[in-house]
C-alpha cells in the first residue's frame, strides 16, 4: 500500500485504545504498518502496562499503554478509490470485464496501447485487505428457570434464617457476633451486610461442620444477580463457591452445577468483543496463577502465630473453593484441588 503524505490524515491516539485494523506510524517516523491483533500485558499489580501489537507484515510492536501513537487514515478520495477497488475485486471475472471494457476501448480509440507487463500488473493488483473482526464474546450461559428451581426458597425471612443459625449454635462466639449484627436487619444493598452473611456461612461450615445451616445462609446470597460491583459480588461469589462444594459433597450434583453456572455470570457481562477477549485472557491467568497466600502462611508458622495462620488459611480455602467451582484451571486439576481443600479444612478445624 503506497500513499503520499498529502493523502493521509494523521491523528494522535493512546496505545491502550489501538484496535485491529489501525494503521500506525512506525517508530522510524517514515513507514506505516497495519495492526493485525492487539493484546494487553499487565504488570505484577494487575494494571495494564504494555500493548503488544502484532503487525500485518510480521513482527510485534511493544508500546506502553499510556504512550501516544500516530495513527493514519486515508483522505476521502483515497477511501473512495479503496471502496471502488474492493467492489471490483468482489465481482465475478466475466462481470468485471464488462465494466472495464469501455475504459479499454477509450484507450484504444486515442491510439494508446498499454504494454502487456503493465496490464498484467494492473490485473494482479492486490485487493483492499479487510482485517477480521475479533471473536464474538461467548453467549451468556445462565441457568434456566427449571435449574434455578433447584435452589430452595429461604424458610422464612432472611432475619429468621440468621436467627435459626444463632439458636442452633448458642455457644459459638463467631456465629453469635455475626448474627447479632445481622439480626438488626439484612440489607442486600449493603456490601458489609453481604460480607457478614458470607462469613456466617463459612463459619457454620468450616468451624462448626454445619453444612445444612451454612447452605441455608449461603442461599440468601446465591440468588442475587450480578450488578457489576466487584466489591459486592466478592461475597456472592464466595457463597456460590461454598454452596457448590457442599452440594458436591452431598451428592447434589445438579444443584451444584447451577451454582457453578451462576459464578460465571460476570464472564458474559462484557459485550464489546475486544474487551471480552482481553478479560477472558486476564481471567484465565488469574485461574492459572491464583494467590494461595503461601508466603503469609509460612511467615505465620515461623512466628508461631496460630491465629494469623488460621486467617490466612481461610483465605486460601476460599481461593481453592473458587477454583473448584470453575472446574479447576490449566495448572491445578480437580483431583489436586480436592486434596488441597481437604488439607485446609483439616488444618483450620484442628
Protein backbone atom coordinates (compact mmCIF):
# COMPACT_ATOMS: atom_id res chain seq x y z
CA UNK A 1 0.00 0.00 0.00
CA UNK A 2 1.62 3.27 -1.12
CA UNK A 3 0.35 6.68 -0.09
CA UNK A 4 1.74 10.17 -0.33
CA UNK A 5 1.87 12.18 2.87
CA UNK A 6 -0.75 14.52 1.46
CA UNK A 7 -3.21 11.64 1.16
CA UNK A 8 -3.08 10.90 4.87
CA UNK A 9 -4.88 12.27 7.89
CA UNK A 10 -2.72 11.99 10.98
CA UNK A 11 -4.22 11.71 14.45
CA UNK A 12 -2.86 11.01 17.91
CA UNK A 13 -4.17 8.05 19.92
CA UNK A 14 -3.20 6.43 23.20
CA UNK A 15 -1.73 2.96 22.74
CA UNK A 16 -4.37 1.45 25.04
CA UNK A 17 -7.06 2.46 22.51
CA UNK A 18 -5.49 0.74 19.48
CA UNK A 19 -7.64 -1.85 17.75
CA UNK A 20 -7.32 -4.42 14.99
CA UNK A 21 -7.05 -2.72 11.59
CA UNK A 22 -5.48 0.52 12.86
CA UNK A 23 -2.78 1.92 10.56
CA UNK A 24 0.04 3.37 12.65
CA UNK A 25 3.26 5.24 12.01
CA UNK A 26 6.25 3.09 12.99
CA UNK A 27 8.97 4.36 15.37
CA UNK A 28 11.23 5.38 12.44
CA UNK A 29 8.66 8.06 11.55
CA UNK A 30 8.56 7.06 7.88
CA UNK A 31 7.00 3.63 7.42
CA UNK A 32 3.48 2.58 8.30
CA UNK A 33 2.03 -0.79 9.33
CA UNK A 34 -1.43 -2.20 9.91
CA UNK A 35 -2.22 -3.83 13.25
CA UNK A 36 -3.41 -7.40 12.88
CA UNK A 37 -4.00 -8.24 16.55
CA UNK A 38 -3.72 -6.46 19.90
CA UNK A 39 -3.01 -7.98 23.30
CA UNK A 40 -2.71 -6.30 26.68
CA UNK A 41 0.05 -7.25 29.12
CA UNK A 42 -0.41 -6.37 32.80
CA UNK A 43 2.18 -5.71 35.46
CA UNK A 44 2.53 -7.64 38.72
CA UNK A 45 -0.15 -5.46 40.34
CA UNK A 46 -2.69 -6.30 37.65
CA UNK A 47 -2.63 -2.86 36.00
CA UNK A 48 -2.37 -2.53 32.18
CA UNK A 49 1.28 -1.98 31.29
CA UNK A 50 2.14 -2.92 27.70
CA UNK A 51 0.25 -3.18 24.43
CA UNK A 52 1.55 -5.97 22.19
CA UNK A 53 0.56 -5.06 18.63
CA UNK A 54 1.04 -7.82 16.03
CA UNK A 55 1.72 -6.22 12.63
CA UNK A 56 0.21 -7.44 9.36
CA UNK A 57 3.64 -7.64 7.72
CA UNK A 58 5.09 -9.66 10.59
CA UNK A 59 6.65 -8.72 13.89
CA UNK A 60 5.30 -7.34 17.15
CA UNK A 61 5.43 -3.80 18.47
CA UNK A 62 5.68 -3.27 22.25
CA UNK A 63 4.08 0.04 23.31
CA UNK A 64 3.48 1.43 26.79
CA UNK A 65 -0.25 1.73 27.49
CA UNK A 66 -0.07 5.48 28.13
CA UNK A 67 2.17 6.25 25.14
CA UNK A 68 0.84 8.37 22.28
CA UNK A 69 0.84 6.73 18.85
CA UNK A 70 0.29 8.40 15.48
CA UNK A 71 -2.48 6.72 13.51
CA UNK A 72 -3.10 7.37 9.83
CA UNK A 73 -6.35 7.47 7.91
CA UNK A 74 -6.60 7.90 4.14
CA UNK A 75 -8.44 11.00 2.89
CA UNK A 76 -11.91 10.76 1.39
CA UNK A 77 -10.63 10.40 -2.20
CA UNK A 78 -8.29 7.56 -1.26
CA UNK A 79 -11.08 5.89 0.75
CA UNK A 80 -13.39 6.20 -2.28
CA UNK A 81 -10.77 4.55 -4.51
CA UNK A 82 -10.34 1.77 -1.96
CA UNK A 83 -14.08 1.09 -1.88
CA UNK A 84 -14.19 1.00 -5.70
CA UNK A 85 -11.23 -1.35 -5.79
CA UNK A 86 -12.83 -3.62 -3.18
CA UNK A 87 -16.14 -3.64 -5.11
CA UNK A 88 -14.46 -4.64 -8.39
CA UNK A 89 -12.41 -7.29 -6.61
CA UNK A 90 -15.62 -8.95 -5.39
CA UNK A 91 -17.29 -9.01 -8.86
CA UNK A 92 -17.01 -12.26 -10.91
CA UNK A 93 -14.43 -12.23 -13.69
CA UNK A 94 -16.93 -12.04 -16.55
CA UNK A 95 -18.78 -9.09 -14.95
CA UNK A 96 -15.54 -7.26 -14.23
CA UNK A 97 -14.52 -7.49 -17.88
CA UNK A 98 -17.78 -5.86 -18.91
CA UNK A 99 -17.19 -2.94 -16.54
CA UNK A 100 -13.61 -2.33 -17.69
CA UNK A 101 -14.28 -2.78 -21.43
CA UNK A 102 -15.31 0.88 -22.05
CA UNK A 103 -12.13 2.14 -20.45
CA UNK A 104 -10.03 -0.20 -22.59
CA UNK A 105 -11.91 0.85 -25.71
CA UNK A 106 -11.39 4.52 -24.88
CA UNK A 107 -7.68 3.92 -24.51
CA UNK A 108 -7.51 2.17 -27.92
CA UNK A 109 -9.56 4.99 -29.55
CA UNK A 110 -6.95 7.52 -28.58
CA UNK A 111 -4.19 5.35 -30.02
CA UNK A 112 -2.86 4.47 -26.54
CA UNK A 113 -1.61 0.95 -26.11
CA UNK A 114 -0.69 -0.46 -22.74
CA UNK A 115 2.28 -2.80 -22.63
CA UNK A 116 1.41 -6.34 -21.63
CA UNK A 117 3.51 -6.06 -18.45
CA UNK A 118 1.60 -3.04 -17.19
CA UNK A 119 -1.78 -4.65 -17.95
CA UNK A 120 -0.78 -7.80 -16.09
CA UNK A 121 0.44 -5.73 -13.15
CA UNK A 122 -2.84 -3.82 -13.00
CA UNK A 123 -4.83 -7.05 -13.15
CA UNK A 124 -2.75 -8.56 -10.35
CA UNK A 125 -3.01 -5.52 -8.05
CA UNK A 126 -3.92 -6.70 -4.54
CA UNK A 127 -7.41 -6.02 -3.24
CA UNK A 128 -8.01 -4.00 -0.09
CA UNK A 129 -7.24 -6.11 2.98
CA UNK A 130 -10.18 -6.15 5.39
CA UNK A 131 -8.98 -7.23 8.85
CA UNK A 132 -11.04 -9.96 10.52
CA UNK A 133 -13.39 -8.96 13.31
CA UNK A 134 -12.49 -10.01 16.87
CA UNK A 135 -14.25 -13.18 18.04
CA UNK A 136 -17.73 -12.66 19.41
CA UNK A 137 -17.90 -12.98 23.23
CA UNK A 138 -19.45 -16.21 24.48
CA UNK A 139 -23.19 -16.26 24.93
CA UNK A 140 -24.40 -15.98 28.48
CA UNK A 141 -24.64 -19.48 29.95
CA UNK A 142 -27.29 -18.61 32.52
CA UNK A 143 -29.31 -21.27 34.34
CA UNK A 144 -32.84 -21.90 33.13
CA UNK A 145 -35.92 -21.41 35.30
CA UNK A 146 -36.05 -25.18 35.90
CA UNK A 147 -32.43 -25.18 37.07
CA UNK A 148 -32.93 -22.18 39.35
CA UNK A 149 -35.87 -24.02 40.92
CA UNK A 150 -33.32 -26.49 42.35
CA UNK A 151 -32.26 -23.76 44.80
CA UNK A 152 -34.96 -23.79 47.50
CA UNK A 153 -36.55 -20.57 48.69
CA UNK A 154 -35.49 -19.47 52.19
CA UNK A 155 -37.55 -20.83 55.07
CA UNK A 156 -38.93 -17.52 56.26
CA UNK A 157 -37.33 -14.09 56.15
CA UNK A 158 -33.55 -13.59 55.89
CA UNK A 159 -33.56 -12.48 59.53
CA UNK A 160 -35.29 -15.72 60.58
CA UNK A 161 -32.66 -17.79 58.73
CA UNK A 162 -29.93 -15.91 60.60
CA UNK A 163 -31.77 -16.36 63.90
CA UNK A 164 -32.08 -20.11 63.29
CA UNK A 165 -28.31 -20.32 62.87
CA UNK A 166 -27.81 -18.46 66.15
CA UNK A 167 -30.20 -20.76 68.02
CA UNK A 168 -28.52 -23.88 66.60
CA UNK A 169 -25.11 -22.77 67.93
CA UNK A 170 -25.64 -20.72 71.11
CA UNK A 171 -22.09 -21.34 72.36
CA UNK A 172 -20.30 -20.42 69.11
CA UNK A 173 -18.80 -16.97 69.66
CA UNK A 174 -18.12 -16.28 65.97
CA UNK A 175 -21.68 -17.14 64.99
CA UNK A 176 -23.16 -15.03 67.79
CA UNK A 177 -21.12 -11.97 66.86
CA UNK A 178 -22.19 -12.17 63.21
CA UNK A 179 -25.84 -12.90 63.94
CA UNK A 180 -26.02 -10.00 66.42
CA UNK A 181 -25.10 -7.59 63.63
CA UNK A 182 -27.39 -9.25 61.09
CA UNK A 183 -30.38 -9.52 63.43
CA UNK A 184 -30.84 -5.75 63.19
CA UNK A 185 -31.89 -6.22 59.58
CA UNK A 186 -30.47 -7.83 56.45
CA UNK A 187 -29.84 -5.18 53.79
CA UNK A 188 -28.87 -6.77 50.46
CA UNK A 189 -27.72 -3.40 49.13
CA UNK A 190 -25.05 -3.14 51.82
CA UNK A 191 -21.67 -4.61 50.98
CA UNK A 192 -20.80 -5.07 54.67
CA UNK A 193 -24.06 -6.96 55.24
CA UNK A 194 -23.31 -9.30 52.33
CA UNK A 195 -19.82 -9.88 53.76
CA UNK A 196 -21.30 -10.78 57.18
CA UNK A 197 -23.67 -13.29 55.57
CA UNK A 198 -20.84 -14.88 53.60
CA UNK A 199 -18.64 -15.05 56.73
CA UNK A 200 -21.51 -16.62 58.68
CA UNK A 201 -21.99 -19.33 56.06
CA UNK A 202 -18.26 -20.13 56.10
CA UNK A 203 -18.15 -20.10 59.92
CA UNK A 204 -21.02 -22.60 60.07
CA UNK A 205 -19.44 -24.97 57.55
CA UNK A 206 -15.72 -24.66 58.24
CA UNK A 207 -15.64 -24.32 62.01
CA UNK A 208 -18.89 -25.99 63.14
CA UNK A 209 -19.30 -28.53 60.28
CA UNK A 210 -22.93 -27.46 59.92
CA UNK A 211 -23.34 -27.97 56.14
CA UNK A 212 -27.13 -27.63 56.20
CA UNK A 213 -27.11 -24.36 58.13
CA UNK A 214 -24.26 -23.00 56.02
CA UNK A 215 -26.14 -23.78 52.81
CA UNK A 216 -29.31 -22.08 54.09
CA UNK A 217 -27.38 -18.88 54.84
CA UNK A 218 -25.36 -19.04 51.60
CA UNK A 219 -28.57 -19.33 49.57
CA UNK A 220 -29.59 -15.90 50.79
CA UNK A 221 -26.73 -14.64 48.58
CA UNK A 222 -26.52 -17.17 45.75
CA UNK A 223 -29.76 -15.95 44.17
CA UNK A 224 -28.61 -12.30 43.98
CA UNK A 225 -27.94 -11.07 40.40
CA UNK A 226 -24.58 -9.72 39.26
CA UNK A 227 -24.75 -5.91 39.35
CA UNK A 228 -21.24 -5.12 38.09
CA UNK A 229 -19.95 -4.13 41.53
CA UNK A 230 -16.80 -6.22 42.26
CA UNK A 231 -16.88 -5.48 45.99
CA UNK A 232 -20.45 -6.68 46.47
CA UNK A 233 -20.01 -9.59 44.07
CA UNK A 234 -17.00 -10.95 46.00
CA UNK A 235 -19.30 -12.01 48.87
CA UNK A 236 -21.83 -13.57 46.49
CA UNK A 237 -19.02 -15.34 44.64
CA UNK A 238 -17.60 -16.82 47.86
CA UNK A 239 -21.07 -18.09 48.85
CA UNK A 240 -21.63 -19.64 45.41
CA UNK A 241 -18.29 -21.48 45.61
CA UNK A 242 -19.09 -22.73 49.13
CA UNK A 243 -22.61 -23.85 48.15
CA UNK A 244 -21.23 -25.69 45.11
CA UNK A 245 -18.72 -27.59 47.26
CA UNK A 246 -21.30 -28.53 49.92
CA UNK A 247 -23.72 -29.84 47.28
CA UNK A 248 -21.00 -31.85 45.51
CA UNK A 249 -20.02 -33.44 48.81
CA UNK A 250 -23.68 -34.25 49.47
CA UNK A 251 -24.25 -35.78 46.01
CA UNK A 252 -26.50 -32.92 44.79
CA UNK A 253 -24.61 -32.57 41.54
CA UNK A 254 -27.41 -30.91 39.53
CA UNK A 255 -27.88 -28.23 42.18
CA UNK A 256 -24.11 -27.72 42.38
CA UNK A 257 -24.00 -27.22 38.61
CA UNK A 258 -26.46 -24.33 38.95
CA UNK A 259 -24.17 -22.55 41.44
CA UNK A 260 -21.24 -23.12 39.09
CA UNK A 261 -23.14 -21.50 36.22
CA UNK A 262 -24.09 -18.54 38.39
CA UNK A 263 -20.49 -17.95 39.47
CA UNK A 264 -19.56 -17.45 35.79
CA UNK A 265 -22.13 -14.67 35.30
CA UNK A 266 -19.51 -11.86 35.09
CA UNK A 267 -17.74 -13.70 32.25
CA UNK A 268 -20.55 -12.88 29.81
CA UNK A 269 -21.25 -9.40 31.19
CA UNK A 270 -18.88 -7.60 28.76
CA UNK A 271 -20.45 -7.15 25.30
CA UNK A 272 -17.53 -5.49 23.50
CA UNK A 273 -15.69 -8.31 21.61
CA UNK A 274 -12.19 -6.94 22.16
CA UNK A 275 -12.71 -6.16 25.85
CA UNK A 276 -14.34 -9.57 26.36
CA UNK A 277 -11.37 -11.33 24.78
CA UNK A 278 -8.87 -9.43 26.92
CA UNK A 279 -10.96 -10.02 30.07
CA UNK A 280 -11.03 -13.75 29.31
CA UNK A 281 -7.23 -13.78 29.00
CA UNK A 282 -6.77 -11.96 32.32
CA UNK A 283 -9.33 -14.25 33.99
CA UNK A 284 -7.57 -17.40 32.75
CA UNK A 285 -4.24 -16.07 34.03
CA UNK A 286 -5.76 -15.48 37.47
CA UNK A 287 -7.10 -19.05 37.47
CA UNK A 288 -3.73 -20.45 36.42
CA UNK A 289 -1.78 -18.34 38.94
CA UNK A 290 -4.08 -17.98 41.97
CA UNK A 291 -2.96 -16.26 45.14
CA UNK A 292 -2.83 -19.04 47.74
CA UNK A 293 -1.09 -16.92 50.41
CA UNK A 294 1.90 -19.26 50.75
CA UNK A 295 4.31 -16.56 51.98
CA UNK A 296 1.88 -15.25 54.58
CA UNK A 297 1.12 -18.73 55.92
CA UNK A 298 4.80 -19.71 56.16
CA UNK A 299 5.60 -16.42 57.88
CA UNK A 300 2.87 -17.05 60.45
CA UNK A 301 4.17 -20.57 61.07
CA UNK A 302 7.72 -19.26 61.56
CA UNK A 303 6.41 -16.71 64.06
CA UNK A 304 4.23 -19.30 65.83
CA UNK A 305 1.23 -17.03 65.24
CA UNK A 306 -1.54 -19.61 65.03
CA UNK A 307 -4.38 -17.09 64.83
CA UNK A 308 -2.83 -15.33 61.85
CA UNK A 309 -2.04 -18.69 60.22
CA UNK A 310 -5.69 -19.72 60.51
CA UNK A 311 -6.93 -16.46 58.99
CA UNK A 312 -4.58 -16.84 56.01
CA UNK A 313 -5.59 -20.48 55.59
CA UNK A 314 -9.25 -19.43 55.49
CA UNK A 315 -8.43 -17.07 52.64
CA UNK A 316 -6.55 -19.86 50.88
CA UNK A 317 -9.56 -22.14 51.34
CA UNK A 318 -11.83 -19.53 49.69
CA UNK A 319 -9.46 -19.32 46.72
CA UNK A 320 -9.41 -23.11 46.36
CA UNK A 321 -13.22 -23.33 46.56
CA UNK A 322 -13.47 -20.64 43.89
CA UNK A 323 -11.11 -22.61 41.61
CA UNK A 324 -13.10 -25.77 42.21
CA UNK A 325 -16.38 -24.08 41.26
CA UNK A 326 -14.73 -23.13 37.95
CA UNK A 327 -13.76 -26.74 37.28
CA UNK A 328 -10.09 -26.24 38.08
CA UNK A 329 -7.59 -24.49 35.84
CA UNK A 330 -4.81 -25.27 33.37
CA UNK A 331 -2.32 -25.64 36.23
CA UNK A 332 -4.37 -27.22 39.04
CA UNK A 333 -6.69 -30.12 38.23
CA UNK A 334 -9.81 -31.15 40.11
CA UNK A 335 -8.13 -34.07 41.89
CA UNK A 336 -5.40 -31.82 43.26
CA UNK A 337 -7.98 -29.22 44.28
CA UNK A 338 -9.98 -31.79 46.24
CA UNK A 339 -6.82 -32.86 48.07
CA UNK A 340 -5.81 -29.30 48.94
CA UNK A 341 -9.31 -28.33 50.10
CA UNK A 342 -9.41 -31.36 52.43
CA UNK A 343 -5.99 -30.42 53.82
CA UNK A 344 -7.06 -26.81 54.50
CA UNK A 345 -10.31 -27.88 56.15
CA UNK A 346 -8.40 -30.22 58.42
CA UNK A 347 -5.86 -27.51 59.25
CA UNK A 348 -8.38 -24.78 60.17
CA UNK A 349 -10.65 -27.16 62.08
CA UNK A 350 -7.86 -28.52 64.27
